[in-house]
Structures are given as structure tokens and as C-alpha cells.
Amino acid sequence: MSACAGRVIRSRAVLVAIRIDWEGRRQILEVELAERESTSSWKHFLLG
């Protein structure tokens, strides 16, 4: 994903947590923009 900050376009990661129930239905639990898709970004996303 790209985001515009002022006159600069920067790439951003979109972290998405999805739950799948026993019937196979998907539910989005949380969505967050991050600077990059890294271990530290996921850790912050999952642990708060």
C-alpha cells in the first residue's frame, strides 16, 4: 500500500488479523498500518 504524507508517497505495510471459525467463515479482527512488515511490527500488532 502507498500512503501520501505531504508531498511524499511512501510504501506502508497493512497488517491484518483474521479469525476463521469452525464453519470456515472469516472475520477481520484488527487492521493496522505499519512502516514495514517486520517481526517487530507484527509483535507490536499482536501484543499491543
PDB file of N, CA and C in Angstrom:
ATOM      1  N   MET A   1       0.837  -1.163   0.000  1.00  0.00           N
ATOM      2  CA  MET A   1       0.000   0.000   0.000  1.00  0.00           C
ATOM      3  C   MET A   1       0.887   1.233   0.000  1.00  0.00           C
ATOM      4  N   SER A   2       0.448   2.275  -0.660  1.00  0.00           N
ATOM      5  CA  SER A   2       1.160   3.547  -0.646  1.00  0.00           C
ATOM      6  C   SER A   2       0.337   4.568   0.110  1.00  0.00           C
ATOM      7  N   ALA A   3       1.013   5.440   0.835  1.00  0.00           N
ATOM      8  CA  ALA A   3       0.348   6.500   1.585  1.00  0.00           C
ATOM      9  C   ALA A   3       1.028   7.817   1.265  1.00  0.00           C
ATOM     10  N   CYS A   4       0.249   8.865   1.183  1.00  0.00           N
ATOM     11  CA  CYS A   4       0.793  10.181   0.876  1.00  0.00           C
ATOM     12  C   CYS A   4       0.944  10.962   2.175  1.00  0.00           C
ATOM     13  N   ALA A   5       2.170  11.405   2.451  1.00  0.00           N
ATOM     14  CA  ALA A   5       2.456  12.225   3.629  1.00  0.00           C
ATOM     15  C   ALA A   5       3.007  13.548   3.124  1.00  0.00           C
ATOM     16  N   GLY A   6       2.169  14.576   3.098  1.00  0.00           N
ATOM     17  CA  GLY A   6       2.589  15.830   2.487  1.00  0.00           C
ATOM     18  C   GLY A   6       2.695  15.642   0.991  1.00  0.00           C
ATOM     19  N   ARG A   7       3.871  15.853   0.437  1.00  0.00           N
ATOM     20  CA  ARG A   7       4.089  15.650  -0.997  1.00  0.00           C
ATOM     21  C   ARG A   7       4.895  14.393  -1.284  1.00  0.00           C
ATOM     22  N   VAL A   8       5.112  13.568  -0.274  1.00  0.00           N
ATOM     23  CA  VAL A   8       5.924  12.365  -0.413  1.00  0.00           C
ATOM     24  C   VAL A   8       5.017  11.134  -0.366  1.00  0.00           C
ATOM     25  N   ILE A   9       5.197  10.231  -1.325  1.00  0.00           N
ATOM     26  CA  ILE A   9       4.450   8.966  -1.329  1.00  0.00           C
ATOM     27  C   ILE A   9       5.368   7.889  -0.786  1.00  0.00           C
ATOM     28  N   ARG A  10       4.898   7.215   0.269  1.00  0.00           N
ATOM     29  CA  ARG A  10       5.703   6.185   0.927  1.00  0.00           C
ATOM     30  C   ARG A  10       4.945   4.865   0.922  1.00  0.00           C
ATOM     31  N   SER A  11       5.682   3.778   0.816  1.00  0.00           N
ATOM     32  CA  SER A  11       5.078   2.454   0.946  1.00  0.00           C
ATOM     33  C   SER A  11       4.836   2.155   2.415  1.00  0.00           C
ATOM     34  N   ARG A  12       3.705   1.546   2.714  1.00  0.00           N
ATOM     35  CA  ARG A  12       3.365   1.161   4.080  1.00  0.00           C
ATOM     36  C   ARG A  12       2.866  -0.277   4.044  1.00  0.00           C
ATOM     37  N   ALA A  13       3.034  -0.976   5.134  1.00  0.00           N
ATOM     38  CA  ALA A  13       2.506  -2.335   5.276  1.00  0.00           C
ATOM     39  C   ALA A  13       1.138  -2.254   5.946  1.00  0.00           C
ATOM     40  N   VAL A  14       0.237  -3.119   5.539  1.00  0.00           N
ATOM     41  CA  VAL A  14      -1.066  -3.237   6.191  1.00  0.00           C
ATOM     42  C   VAL A  14      -1.098  -4.597   6.874  1.00  0.00           C
ATOM     43  N   LEU A  15      -1.146  -4.593   8.204  1.00  0.00           N
ATOM     44  CA  LEU A  15      -1.204  -5.829   8.983  1.00  0.00           C
ATOM     45  C   LEU A  15      -2.665  -6.125   9.285  1.00  0.00           C
ATOM     46  N   VAL A  16      -3.091  -7.364   9.020  1.00  0.00           N
ATOM     47  CA  VAL A  16      -4.489  -7.750   9.199  1.00  0.00           C
ATOM     48  C   VAL A  16      -4.556  -9.044   9.992  1.00  0.00           C
ATOM     49  N   ALA A  17      -5.344  -9.043  11.079  1.00  0.00           N
ATOM     50  CA  ALA A  17      -5.595 -10.260  11.852  1.00  0.00           C
ATOM     51  C   ALA A  17      -6.972 -10.781  11.460  1.00  0.00           C
ATOM     52  N   ILE A  18      -7.024 -12.028  11.010  1.00  0.00           N
ATOM     53  CA  ILE A  18      -8.268 -12.649  10.557  1.00  0.00           C
ATOM     54  C   ILE A  18      -8.540 -13.901  11.376  1.00  0.00           C
ATOM     55  N   ARG A  19      -9.780 -14.049  11.798  1.00  0.00           N
ATOM     56  CA  ARG A  19     -10.229 -15.238  12.531  1.00  0.00           C
ATOM     57  C   ARG A  19     -11.060 -16.086  11.582  1.00  0.00           C
ATOM     58  N   ILE A  20     -10.850 -17.400  11.609  1.00  0.00           N
ATOM     59  CA  ILE A  20     -11.666 -18.331  10.832  1.00  0.00           C
ATOM     60  C   ILE A  20     -12.358 -19.261  11.819  1.00  0.00           C
ATOM     61  N   ASP A  21     -13.705 -19.279  11.784  1.00  0.00           N
ATOM     62  CA  ASP A  21     -14.444 -20.116  12.734  1.00  0.00           C
ATOM     63  C   ASP A  21     -14.571 -21.555  12.201  1.00  0.00           C
ATOM     64  N   TRP A  22     -15.222 -22.402  12.969  1.00  0.00           N
ATOM     65  CA  TRP A  22     -15.330 -23.823  12.617  1.00  0.00           C
ATOM     66  C   TRP A  22     -16.121 -24.055  11.338  1.00  0.00           C
ATOM     67  N   GLU A  23     -16.970 -23.107  10.949  1.00  0.00           N
ATOM     68  CA  GLU A  23     -17.743 -23.228   9.703  1.00  0.00           C
ATOM     69  C   GLU A  23     -16.986 -22.657   8.499  1.00  0.00           C
ATOM     70  N   GLY A  24     -15.772 -22.127   8.733  1.00  0.00           N
ATOM     71  CA  GLY A  24     -14.960 -21.585   7.653  1.00  0.00           C
ATOM     72  C   GLY A  24     -15.229 -20.123   7.349  1.00  0.00           C
ATOM     73  N   ARG A  25     -16.039 -19.460   8.166  1.00  0.00           N
ATOM     74  CA  ARG A  25     -16.313 -18.037   7.957  1.00  0.00           C
ATOM     75  C   ARG A  25     -15.152 -17.209   8.484  1.00  0.00           C
ATOM     76  N   ARG A  26     -14.794 -16.175   7.724  1.00  0.00           N
ATOM     77  CA  ARG A  26     -13.686 -15.290   8.106  1.00  0.00           C
ATOM     78  C   ARG A  26     -14.226 -14.024   8.756  1.00  0.00           C
ATOM     79  N   GLN A  27     -13.516 -13.553   9.752  1.00  0.00           N
ATOM     80  CA  GLN A  27     -13.874 -12.317  10.435  1.00  0.00           C
ATOM     81  C   GLN A  27     -12.594 -11.506  10.646  1.00  0.00           C
ATOM     82  N   ILE A  28     -12.607 -10.248  10.205  1.00  0.00           N
ATOM     83  CA  ILE A  28     -11.453  -9.373  10.415  1.00  0.00           C
ATOM     84  C   ILE A  28     -11.482  -8.889  11.856  1.00  0.00           C
ATOM     85  N   LEU A  29     -10.394  -9.156  12.586  1.00  0.00           N
ATOM     86  CA  LEU A  29     -10.313  -8.776  13.993  1.00  0.00           C
ATOM     87  C   LEU A  29      -9.672  -7.408  14.173  1.00  0.00           C
ATOM     88  N   GLU A  30      -8.649  -7.110  13.373  1.00  0.00           N
ATOM     89  CA  GLU A  30      -7.934  -5.845  13.523  1.00  0.00           C
ATOM     90  C   GLU A  30      -7.148  -5.547  12.256  1.00  0.00           C
ATOM     91  N   VAL A  31      -7.019  -4.258  11.954  1.00  0.00           N
ATOM     92  CA  VAL A  31      -6.231  -3.783  10.820  1.00  0.00           C
ATOM     93  C   VAL A  31      -5.370  -2.632  11.320  1.00  0.00           C
ATOM     94  N   GLU A  32      -4.104  -2.608  10.909  1.00  0.00           N
ATOM     95  CA  GLU A  32      -3.197  -1.545  11.353  1.00  0.00           C
ATOM     96  C   GLU A  32      -2.177  -1.244  10.263  1.00  0.00           C
ATOM     97  N   LEU A  33      -1.864   0.045  10.081  1.00  0.00           N
ATOM     98  CA  LEU A  33      -0.786   0.444   9.182  1.00  0.00           C
ATOM     99  C   LEU A  33       0.532   0.375   9.936  1.00  0.00           C
ATOM    100  N   ALA A  34       1.568  -0.100   9.263  1.00  0.00           N
ATOM    101  CA  ALA A  34       2.900  -0.185   9.865  1.00  0.00           C
ATOM    102  C   ALA A  34       3.919   0.348   8.865  1.00  0.00           C
ATOM    103  N   GLU A  35       5.071   0.743   9.358  1.00  0.00           N
ATOM    104  CA  GLU A  35       6.140   1.242   8.483  1.00  0.00           C
ATOM    105  C   GLU A  35       6.629   0.151   7.530  1.00  0.00           C
ATOM    106  N   ARG A  36       6.685  -1.086   8.031  1.00  0.00           N
ATOM    107  CA  ARG A  36       7.124  -2.223   7.211  1.00  0.00           C
ATOM    108  C   ARG A  36       6.588  -3.500   7.834  1.00  0.00           C
ATOM    109  N   GLU A  37       6.632  -4.574   7.069  1.00  0.00           N
ATOM    110  CA  GLU A  37       6.192  -5.873   7.575  1.00  0.00           C
ATOM    111  C   GLU A  37       7.415  -6.578   8.152  1.00  0.00           C
ATOM    112  N   SER A  38       7.635  -6.381   9.441  1.00  0.00           N
ATOM    113  CA  SER A  38       8.805  -6.941  10.106  1.00  0.00           C
ATOM    114  C   SER A  38       8.358  -7.703  11.352  1.00  0.00           C
ATOM    115  N   THR A  39       9.280  -8.426  11.928  1.00  0.00           N
ATOM    116  CA  THR A  39       8.989  -9.156  13.163  1.00  0.00           C
ATOM    117  C   THR A  39       8.549  -8.205  14.257  1.00  0.00           C
ATOM    118  N   SER A  40       9.232  -7.075  14.398  1.00  0.00           N
ATOM    119  CA  SER A  40       8.866  -6.126  15.451  1.00  0.00           C
ATOM    120  C   SER A  40       7.500  -5.495  15.188  1.00  0.00           C
ATOM    121  N   SER A  41       7.158  -5.236  13.914  1.00  0.00           N
ATOM    122  CA  SER A  41       5.834  -4.698  13.589  1.00  0.00           C
ATOM    123  C   SER A  41       4.735  -5.691  13.964  1.00  0.00           C
ATOM    124  N   TRP A  42       4.930  -6.968  13.613  1.00  0.00           N
ATOM    125  CA  TRP A  42       3.939  -8.000  13.947  1.00  0.00           C
ATOM    126  C   TRP A  42       3.832  -8.185  15.457  1.00  0.00           C
ATOM    127  N   LYS A  43       4.957  -8.154  16.142  1.00  0.00           N
ATOM    128  CA  LYS A  43       4.942  -8.321  17.597  1.00  0.00           C
ATOM    129  C   LYS A  43       4.130  -7.199  18.244  1.00  0.00           C
ATOM    130  N   HIS A  44       4.377  -5.959  17.822  1.00  0.00           N
ATOM    131  CA  HIS A  44       3.636  -4.814  18.353  1.00  0.00           C
ATOM    132  C   HIS A  44       2.147  -4.942  18.026  1.00  0.00           C
ATOM    133  N   PHE A  45       1.836  -5.378  16.805  1.00  0.00           N
ATOM    134  CA  PHE A  45       0.460  -5.542  16.362  1.00  0.00           C
ATOM    135  C   PHE A  45      -0.273  -6.601  17.187  1.00  0.00           C
ATOM    136  N   LEU A  46       0.368  -7.729  17.412  1.00  0.00           N
ATOM    137  CA  LEU A  46      -0.278  -8.844  18.119  1.00  0.00           C
ATOM    138  C   LEU A  46      -0.322  -8.670  19.636  1.00  0.00           C
ATOM    139  N   LEU A  47       0.706  -8.036  20.192  1.00  0.00           N
ATOM    140  CA  LEU A  47       0.775  -7.922  21.657  1.00  0.00           C
ATOM    141  C   LEU A  47       0.302  -6.562  22.172  1.00  0.00           C
ATOM    142  N   GLY A  48       0.151  -5.606  21.281  1.00  0.00           N
ATOM    143  CA  GLY A  48      -0.364  -4.284  21.682  1.00  0.00           C
ATOM    144  C   GLY A  48       0.633  -3.321  22.168  1.00  0.00           C
TER     145      GLY A  48
END
